């Protein structure tokens, strides 16, 4: 894995967790927050931590963020600070900007500014929770687009003792298996002649309506 230089602006619950996780994966992480106490608490866990007001043009210029591979704007409740920071980063030619949004309106504004990717942590977590609560066999869930999702499920009973080649998953449900999890091991792409066990997990991609038919 190529190690990257990543700046995380806003070190609250979400931003702080992201920064620590990136640092644990040996990426070079710069954490930035306006609160000195927050910066002091996170400094032992990441590469660098700096107190700065990223809505101030001179302050954000001094961080030289255009030299980083990616900048994540994780500022929470302060909408103005979130948008202003993203706008200044765009003007400073940051190579990749990922910004957190709390609702669709904020997301649309960030897109208009020109950020490369908008994320909705609260919405995504709520969506995953709904999938767990309403689909008995779903172990994990990732929405790839409005209509397409990737899910990890317990091995369907009709596939146990067969192999993917003979399971007719695509013919029956119009779905594609992209991986098999066996204990701690993940086989991607899966061997089409591997005999599937009751304790195996299946990674499947397809239309949400077809996934619903498989997991009811």
C-alpha atoms as a PDB file:
ATOM      1  CA  UNK A   1       0.000   0.000   0.000  1.00  0.00           C
ATOM      2  CA  UNK A   2       1.314   3.428  -0.961  1.00  0.00           C
ATOM      3  CA  UNK A   3       1.558   5.700   2.062  1.00  0.00           C
ATOM      4  CA  UNK A   4       0.011   9.142   1.566  1.00  0.00           C
ATOM      5  CA  UNK A   5       0.233  12.578   3.097  1.00  0.00           C
ATOM      6  CA  UNK A   6      -3.221  13.525   4.346  1.00  0.00           C
ATOM      7  CA  UNK A   7      -4.480  16.585   6.196  1.00  0.00           C
ATOM      8  CA  UNK A   8      -7.600  16.376   8.348  1.00  0.00           C
ATOM      9  CA  UNK A   9      -9.225  19.700   9.203  1.00  0.00           C
ATOM     10  CA  UNK A  10     -11.630  19.532  12.122  1.00  0.00           C
ATOM     11  CA  UNK A  11     -10.665  17.044  14.827  1.00  0.00           C
ATOM     12  CA  UNK A  12     -13.999  16.405  16.498  1.00  0.00           C
ATOM     13  CA  UNK A  13     -15.403  12.925  16.974  1.00  0.00           C
ATOM     14  CA  UNK A  14     -15.481  12.113  13.257  1.00  0.00           C
ATOM     15  CA  UNK A  15     -12.360  13.951  12.110  1.00  0.00           C
ATOM     16  CA  UNK A  16     -10.320  12.827  15.095  1.00  0.00           C
ATOM     17  CA  UNK A  17     -11.246   9.184  14.518  1.00  0.00           C
ATOM     18  CA  UNK A  18     -10.395   9.432  10.820  1.00  0.00           C
ATOM     19  CA  UNK A  19      -7.036  11.052  11.587  1.00  0.00           C
ATOM     20  CA  UNK A  20      -6.088   8.381  14.134  1.00  0.00           C
ATOM     21  CA  UNK A  21      -7.106   5.534  11.830  1.00  0.00           C
ATOM     22  CA  UNK A  22      -5.096   6.966   8.942  1.00  0.00           C
ATOM     23  CA  UNK A  23      -2.049   7.374  11.176  1.00  0.00           C
ATOM     24  CA  UNK A  24      -2.412   3.777  12.403  1.00  0.00           C
ATOM     25  CA  UNK A  25      -2.138   2.713   8.754  1.00  0.00           C
ATOM     26  CA  UNK A  26       1.230   4.522   8.533  1.00  0.00           C
ATOM     27  CA  UNK A  27       0.001   7.464   6.476  1.00  0.00           C
ATOM     28  CA  UNK A  28       1.536  10.844   7.280  1.00  0.00           C
ATOM     29  CA  UNK A  29      -1.293  12.771   8.913  1.00  0.00           C
ATOM     30  CA  UNK A  30      -1.542  16.477   9.677  1.00  0.00           C
ATOM     31  CA  UNK A  31      -4.415  17.302  12.025  1.00  0.00           C
ATOM     32  CA  UNK A  32      -5.731  20.868  12.131  1.00  0.00           C
ATOM     33  CA  UNK A  33      -8.264  22.343  14.533  1.00  0.00           C
ATOM     34  CA  UNK A  34      -9.069  25.781  15.929  1.00  0.00           C
ATOM     35  CA  UNK A  35      -9.274  24.432  19.505  1.00  0.00           C
ATOM     36  CA  UNK A  36      -5.850  24.104  21.212  1.00  0.00           C
ATOM     37  CA  UNK A  37      -7.172  21.546  23.713  1.00  0.00           C
ATOM     38  CA  UNK A  38      -8.412  19.262  20.919  1.00  0.00           C
ATOM     39  CA  UNK A  39      -5.064  19.539  19.123  1.00  0.00           C
ATOM     40  CA  UNK A  40      -3.145  18.750  22.289  1.00  0.00           C
ATOM     41  CA  UNK A  41      -5.200  15.602  22.942  1.00  0.00           C
ATOM     42  CA  UNK A  42      -4.720  14.141  19.478  1.00  0.00           C
ATOM     43  CA  UNK A  43      -1.064  15.078  18.948  1.00  0.00           C
ATOM     44  CA  UNK A  44       0.379  11.822  20.397  1.00  0.00           C
ATOM     45  CA  UNK A  45      -1.614   9.747  17.900  1.00  0.00           C
ATOM     46  CA  UNK A  46      -0.842  11.435  14.559  1.00  0.00           C
ATOM     47  CA  UNK A  47       2.206  12.754  12.713  1.00  0.00           C
ATOM     48  CA  UNK A  48       1.604  16.475  13.240  1.00  0.00           C
ATOM     49  CA  UNK A  49      -1.135  18.494  14.933  1.00  0.00           C
ATOM     50  CA  UNK A  50      -1.557  22.243  14.482  1.00  0.00           C
ATOM     51  CA  UNK A  51      -3.847  24.928  15.871  1.00  0.00           C
ATOM     52  CA  UNK A  52      -5.154  27.071  13.015  1.00  0.00           C
ATOM     53  CA  UNK A  53      -8.257  28.886  11.826  1.00  0.00           C
ATOM     54  CA  UNK A  54      -8.692  27.508   8.306  1.00  0.00           C
ATOM     55  CA  UNK A  55     -11.254  30.163   7.433  1.00  0.00           C
ATOM     56  CA  UNK A  56      -8.388  32.679   7.546  1.00  0.00           C
ATOM     57  CA  UNK A  57      -6.742  32.869   4.139  1.00  0.00           C
ATOM     58  CA  UNK A  58      -3.247  33.595   5.422  1.00  0.00           C
ATOM     59  CA  UNK A  59      -3.451  30.878   8.069  1.00  0.00           C
ATOM     60  CA  UNK A  60      -4.520  28.202   5.607  1.00  0.00           C
ATOM     61  CA  UNK A  61      -1.893  29.307   3.078  1.00  0.00           C
ATOM     62  CA  UNK A  62       0.797  28.825   5.727  1.00  0.00           C
ATOM     63  CA  UNK A  63      -0.155  25.140   6.035  1.00  0.00           C
ATOM     64  CA  UNK A  64       0.967  24.450   2.434  1.00  0.00           C
ATOM     65  CA  UNK A  65      -1.875  21.989   1.964  1.00  0.00           C
ATOM     66  CA  UNK A  66      -1.439  21.932  -1.825  1.00  0.00           C
ATOM     67  CA  UNK A  67       1.570  19.679  -1.162  1.00  0.00           C
ATOM     68  CA  UNK A  68      -0.592  16.976   0.450  1.00  0.00           C
ATOM     69  CA  UNK A  69      -2.109  14.065  -1.443  1.00  0.00           C
ATOM     70  CA  UNK A  70      -5.504  14.709   0.122  1.00  0.00           C
ATOM     71  CA  UNK A  71      -7.278  17.116   2.460  1.00  0.00           C
ATOM     72  CA  UNK A  72     -10.310  16.006   4.455  1.00  0.00           C
ATOM     73  CA  UNK A  73     -12.603  18.775   5.708  1.00  0.00           C
ATOM     74  CA  UNK A  74     -14.291  17.237   8.745  1.00  0.00           C
ATOM     75  CA  UNK A  75     -15.593  20.433  10.353  1.00  0.00           C
ATOM     76  CA  UNK A  76     -18.939  19.687  11.974  1.00  0.00           C
ATOM     77  CA  UNK A  77     -21.632  22.079  13.160  1.00  0.00           C
ATOM     78  CA  UNK A  78     -20.100  25.310  11.823  1.00  0.00           C
ATOM     79  CA  UNK A  79     -21.499  25.441   8.275  1.00  0.00           C
ATOM     80  CA  UNK A  80     -19.714  28.691   7.420  1.00  0.00           C
ATOM     81  CA  UNK A  81     -16.328  27.353   8.509  1.00  0.00           C
ATOM     82  CA  UNK A  82     -16.912  24.126   6.569  1.00  0.00           C
ATOM     83  CA  UNK A  83     -17.758  25.912   3.330  1.00  0.00           C
ATOM     84  CA  UNK A  84     -15.142  28.660   3.695  1.00  0.00           C
ATOM     85  CA  UNK A  85     -12.389  26.123   4.331  1.00  0.00           C
ATOM     86  CA  UNK A  86     -13.412  24.077   1.293  1.00  0.00           C
ATOM     87  CA  UNK A  87     -13.516  27.194  -0.886  1.00  0.00           C
ATOM     88  CA  UNK A  88     -10.054  28.337   0.211  1.00  0.00           C
ATOM     89  CA  UNK A  89      -8.637  24.851  -0.382  1.00  0.00           C
ATOM     90  CA  UNK A  90     -10.048  24.913  -3.898  1.00  0.00           C
ATOM     91  CA  UNK A  91      -8.487  28.316  -4.536  1.00  0.00           C
ATOM     92  CA  UNK A  92      -5.149  26.998  -3.229  1.00  0.00           C
ATOM     93  CA  UNK A  93      -5.263  24.077  -5.690  1.00  0.00           C
ATOM     94  CA  UNK A  94      -5.344  21.292  -3.115  1.00  0.00           C
ATOM     95  CA  UNK A  95      -5.055  18.118  -5.271  1.00  0.00           C
ATOM     96  CA  UNK A  96      -7.981  16.244  -3.688  1.00  0.00           C
ATOM     97  CA  UNK A  97     -10.586  17.632  -1.305  1.00  0.00           C
ATOM     98  CA  UNK A  98     -12.991  15.390   0.618  1.00  0.00           C
ATOM     99  CA  UNK A  99     -15.572  17.231   2.699  1.00  0.00           C
ATOM    100  CA  UNK A 100     -18.082  16.161   5.316  1.00  0.00           C
ATOM    101  CA  UNK A 101     -21.690  17.312   4.913  1.00  0.00           C
ATOM    102  CA  UNK A 102     -24.509  17.022   7.416  1.00  0.00           C
ATOM    103  CA  UNK A 103     -27.366  17.312   4.901  1.00  0.00           C
ATOM    104  CA  UNK A 104     -28.127  17.450   1.178  1.00  0.00           C
ATOM    105  CA  UNK A 105     -28.163  21.251   0.992  1.00  0.00           C
ATOM    106  CA  UNK A 106     -24.691  21.491   2.494  1.00  0.00           C
ATOM    107  CA  UNK A 107     -23.565  18.715   0.160  1.00  0.00           C
ATOM    108  CA  UNK A 108     -24.856  20.584  -2.893  1.00  0.00           C
ATOM    109  CA  UNK A 109     -23.024  23.736  -1.792  1.00  0.00           C
ATOM    110  CA  UNK A 110     -19.784  21.788  -1.381  1.00  0.00           C
ATOM    111  CA  UNK A 111     -20.207  20.279  -4.834  1.00  0.00           C
ATOM    112  CA  UNK A 112     -20.731  23.774  -6.298  1.00  0.00           C
ATOM    113  CA  UNK A 113     -17.503  24.913  -4.636  1.00  0.00           C
ATOM    114  CA  UNK A 114     -15.799  22.068  -6.474  1.00  0.00           C
ATOM    115  CA  UNK A 115     -14.763  19.566  -3.800  1.00  0.00           C
ATOM    116  CA  UNK A 116     -13.853  16.164  -5.207  1.00  0.00           C
ATOM    117  CA  UNK A 117     -15.971  14.061  -2.853  1.00  0.00           C
ATOM    118  CA  UNK A 118     -18.727  14.788  -0.347  1.00  0.00           C
ATOM    119  CA  UNK A 119     -19.406  12.317   2.456  1.00  0.00           C
ATOM    120  CA  UNK A 120     -22.405  12.027   4.764  1.00  0.00           C
ATOM    121  CA  UNK A 121     -21.225  10.075   7.838  1.00  0.00           C
ATOM    122  CA  UNK A 122     -24.458  10.277   9.830  1.00  0.00           C
ATOM    123  CA  UNK A 123     -26.614   9.300   6.838  1.00  0.00           C
ATOM    124  CA  UNK A 124     -24.278   6.463   5.845  1.00  0.00           C
ATOM    125  CA  UNK A 125     -24.234   5.041   9.366  1.00  0.00           C
ATOM    126  CA  UNK A 126     -28.018   5.290   9.658  1.00  0.00           C
ATOM    127  CA  UNK A 127     -28.416   3.539   6.308  1.00  0.00           C
ATOM    128  CA  UNK A 128     -26.109   0.706   7.344  1.00  0.00           C
ATOM    129  CA  UNK A 129     -27.982   0.327  10.639  1.00  0.00           C
ATOM    130  CA  UNK A 130     -31.308   0.088   8.808  1.00  0.00           C
ATOM    131  CA  UNK A 131     -29.878  -2.664   6.601  1.00  0.00           C
ATOM    132  CA  UNK A 132     -28.716  -4.640   9.642  1.00  0.00           C
ATOM    133  CA  UNK A 133     -32.082  -4.272  11.375  1.00  0.00           C
ATOM    134  CA  UNK A 134     -34.281  -5.133   8.390  1.00  0.00           C
ATOM    135  CA  UNK A 135     -32.225  -7.786   6.576  1.00  0.00           C
ATOM    136  CA  UNK A 136     -31.629 -10.759   8.838  1.00  0.00           C
ATOM    137  CA  UNK A 137     -28.686 -12.208   6.904  1.00  0.00           C
ATOM    138  CA  UNK A 138     -26.761  -9.000   6.121  1.00  0.00           C
ATOM    139  CA  UNK A 139     -23.369  -8.711   7.848  1.00  0.00           C
ATOM    140  CA  UNK A 140     -22.156  -5.503   6.146  1.00  0.00           C
ATOM    141  CA  UNK A 141     -23.482  -3.025   3.596  1.00  0.00           C
ATOM    142  CA  UNK A 142     -22.068  -0.409   1.238  1.00  0.00           C
ATOM    143  CA  UNK A 143     -24.181   1.712  -1.102  1.00  0.00           C
ATOM    144  CA  UNK A 144     -22.244   2.334  -4.319  1.00  0.00           C
ATOM    145  CA  UNK A 145     -24.867   4.428  -6.092  1.00  0.00           C
ATOM    146  CA  UNK A 146     -28.575   5.191  -5.868  1.00  0.00           C
ATOM    147  CA  UNK A 147     -29.549   1.738  -7.090  1.00  0.00           C
ATOM    148  CA  UNK A 148     -26.429  -0.432  -6.679  1.00  0.00           C
ATOM    149  CA  UNK A 149     -25.057  -1.842  -3.414  1.00  0.00           C
ATOM    150  CA  UNK A 150     -22.399  -4.228  -2.175  1.00  0.00           C
ATOM    151  CA  UNK A 151     -23.388  -6.433   0.761  1.00  0.00           C
ATOM    152  CA  UNK A 152     -21.790  -9.166   2.826  1.00  0.00           C
ATOM    153  CA  UNK A 153     -24.257 -11.873   3.849  1.00  0.00           C
ATOM    154  CA  UNK A 154     -24.369 -15.252   5.523  1.00  0.00           C
ATOM    155  CA  UNK A 155     -24.119 -17.971   2.888  1.00  0.00           C
ATOM    156  CA  UNK A 156     -27.625 -18.558   1.471  1.00  0.00           C
ATOM    157  CA  UNK A 157     -28.823 -22.066   2.270  1.00  0.00           C
ATOM    158  CA  UNK A 158     -29.412 -22.930  -1.385  1.00  0.00           C
ATOM    159  CA  UNK A 159     -25.705 -22.308  -2.108  1.00  0.00           C
ATOM    160  CA  UNK A 160     -24.245 -24.376   0.757  1.00  0.00           C
ATOM    161  CA  UNK A 161     -22.484 -27.479  -0.569  1.00  0.00           C
ATOM    162  CA  UNK A 162     -22.330 -26.114  -4.122  1.00  0.00           C
ATOM    163  CA  UNK A 163     -19.830 -23.886  -5.909  1.00  0.00           C
ATOM    164  CA  UNK A 164     -20.453 -20.455  -7.447  1.00  0.00           C
ATOM    165  CA  UNK A 165     -20.300 -21.928 -10.915  1.00  0.00           C
ATOM    166  CA  UNK A 166     -23.227 -24.233 -10.178  1.00  0.00           C
ATOM    167  CA  UNK A 167     -25.194 -22.023  -7.777  1.00  0.00           C
ATOM    168  CA  UNK A 168     -27.059 -20.112 -10.512  1.00  0.00           C
ATOM    169  CA  UNK A 169     -26.855 -16.945  -8.399  1.00  0.00           C
ATOM    170  CA  UNK A 170     -26.729 -14.731 -11.465  1.00  0.00           C
ATOM    171  CA  UNK A 171     -29.532 -16.602 -13.239  1.00  0.00           C
ATOM    172  CA  UNK A 172     -31.836 -16.681 -10.189  1.00  0.00           C
ATOM    173  CA  UNK A 173     -31.214 -13.236  -8.754  1.00  0.00           C
ATOM    174  CA  UNK A 174     -29.280 -11.222 -11.375  1.00  0.00           C
ATOM    175  CA  UNK A 175     -26.463 -10.742  -8.820  1.00  0.00           C
ATOM    176  CA  UNK A 176     -22.687 -11.143  -8.957  1.00  0.00           C
ATOM    177  CA  UNK A 177     -20.561 -12.684  -6.203  1.00  0.00           C
ATOM    178  CA  UNK A 178     -17.319 -10.711  -5.842  1.00  0.00           C
ATOM    179  CA  UNK A 179     -15.819 -12.400  -2.780  1.00  0.00           C
ATOM    180  CA  UNK A 180     -15.985 -15.192  -0.227  1.00  0.00           C
ATOM    181  CA  UNK A 181     -15.025 -14.656   3.403  1.00  0.00           C
ATOM    182  CA  UNK A 182     -13.877 -17.778   5.231  1.00  0.00           C
ATOM    183  CA  UNK A 183     -12.892 -16.978   8.794  1.00  0.00           C
ATOM    184  CA  UNK A 184     -10.323 -14.182   8.621  1.00  0.00           C
ATOM    185  CA  UNK A 185      -9.504 -14.878   4.960  1.00  0.00           C
ATOM    186  CA  UNK A 186     -11.144 -13.017   2.088  1.00  0.00           C
ATOM    187  CA  UNK A 187     -10.975 -14.495  -1.391  1.00  0.00           C
ATOM    188  CA  UNK A 188     -11.391 -11.799  -4.081  1.00  0.00           C
ATOM    189  CA  UNK A 189     -12.222 -12.637  -6.788  1.00  0.00           C
ATOM    190  CA  UNK A 190     -13.726 -15.933  -5.618  1.00  0.00           C
ATOM    191  CA  UNK A 191     -12.742 -19.246  -7.164  1.00  0.00           C
ATOM    192  CA  UNK A 192     -15.840 -20.353  -9.120  1.00  0.00           C
ATOM    193  CA  UNK A 193     -15.303 -24.018  -8.179  1.00  0.00           C
ATOM    194  CA  UNK A 194     -14.726 -23.534  -4.423  1.00  0.00           C
ATOM    195  CA  UNK A 195     -17.272 -25.566  -2.448  1.00  0.00           C
ATOM    196  CA  UNK A 196     -19.241 -23.161  -0.274  1.00  0.00           C
ATOM    197  CA  UNK A 197     -19.720 -23.849   3.429  1.00  0.00           C
ATOM    198  CA  UNK A 198     -22.450 -22.932   5.896  1.00  0.00           C
ATOM    199  CA  UNK A 199     -20.076 -20.694   7.884  1.00  0.00           C
ATOM    200  CA  UNK A 200     -18.784 -18.830   4.812  1.00  0.00           C
ATOM    201  CA  UNK A 201     -19.830 -15.248   4.059  1.00  0.00           C
ATOM    202  CA  UNK A 202     -20.639 -14.046   0.548  1.00  0.00           C
ATOM    203  CA  UNK A 203     -19.906 -10.584  -0.906  1.00  0.00           C
ATOM    204  CA  UNK A 204     -22.537  -9.761  -3.508  1.00  0.00           C
ATOM    205  CA  UNK A 205     -23.053  -6.739  -5.760  1.00  0.00           C
ATOM    206  CA  UNK A 206     -26.192  -5.793  -7.657  1.00  0.00           C
ATOM    207  CA  UNK A 207     -29.392  -3.776  -7.849  1.00  0.00           C
ATOM    208  CA  UNK A 208     -31.031  -3.092  -4.496  1.00  0.00           C
ATOM    209  CA  UNK A 209     -34.286  -4.742  -5.577  1.00  0.00           C
ATOM    210  CA  UNK A 210     -32.425  -7.932  -6.492  1.00  0.00           C
ATOM    211  CA  UNK A 211     -30.504  -7.845  -3.203  1.00  0.00           C
ATOM    212  CA  UNK A 212     -33.804  -7.485  -1.364  1.00  0.00           C
ATOM    213  CA  UNK A 213     -35.099 -10.623  -3.082  1.00  0.00           C
ATOM    214  CA  UNK A 214     -32.005 -12.562  -1.980  1.00  0.00           C
ATOM    215  CA  UNK A 215     -31.986 -11.428   1.653  1.00  0.00           C
ATOM    216  CA  UNK A 216     -35.662 -11.647   2.633  1.00  0.00           C
END
